[in-house]
Amino acid sequence: MSFWQRVLDLIFPVEERCFNCGSYYKSSELKGICPDCLAGMSFIENYCQYCGRALIGKNLGEDKNYCERCSKQDLSFDYARSITLYKGVIRTLLIKFKYYQETSLSKPLGQLLAMYYQYYYGKEKIDYLIPIPLHKKRFTERGYNQVELLADELAYETGLSVLKNVMLRKIATKPLYSLSAIERSEVIRGCFTLDTNTKLSSKGILLLDDIMTTGTTVNEAARVLKNEGDSGPVYVLTLASGQ
């Protein structure tokens, strides 16, 4: 792009169309998301220090720093953080991204992850970024793993090294959204494994997923990384979490 083209773009910015509402806008913090829709996201401010889920309503535990579930169980990951509640704008965007081939959404969503990665994990020693894998059957049906696309964007923005195909989903589990926390744990147990050549030798890992509901999936993945891969601390980052 020439110098004069840059000048013209500053003076007469090109309008972009919002992925969510369809309106046109001239500038925003996230490419593809207008300022109004960005402001309409339900960002999590008061969260459990362990799993990162919002401390609201029935999630509140006796210790005000932890949710009720985390105050009663031990988890395999060191701690997790989610950016928004899974509702409204982010829910619409993730459905489009995940099920309707809107893969270009990886750019703004990856930028959003990068902003919060620095905030939540900027002081941690993280060696590798690992996206939660899809089973090969679901990958074939969908044509892509949306979490891998997010990982690529997050790596581009932050310089993190992505490890793909080191963690495998060996069991094609049925959709988990209709199951209770106990049922999810039973279904997901044993569904992940690591490539036989993978040794993480105490390396710090950031696990990436799009949505955290109960934390069962990322917890099982963290268990496998530590037990089979001999990893160091495992942190978790997701775009959204359930209420």
Foldseek 3Di string as FASTA:
>chain_A
DDPVVVVCCVVPPDWDAAPQPRDTDRDDPFPRHDPVLVVVFAFADQAAFAAAHHCDDQQAPPPRNHGNVPVPDDFLARGEHATTACDDRLVVLVCCCQPVVPVVSLRRLLSVLLVVCCVPPVPPQAAEEEEQDAAPVVCVVRVHDSRVSSVVNVCVSPVHHYDPQQKHQQDHFDDPPVDDPVVLLVRQAPRIAGDLPAAQQQHEYEYEDAEAEPCNNVRNVSVRCCPVRVYHHYYYYYHHYHD
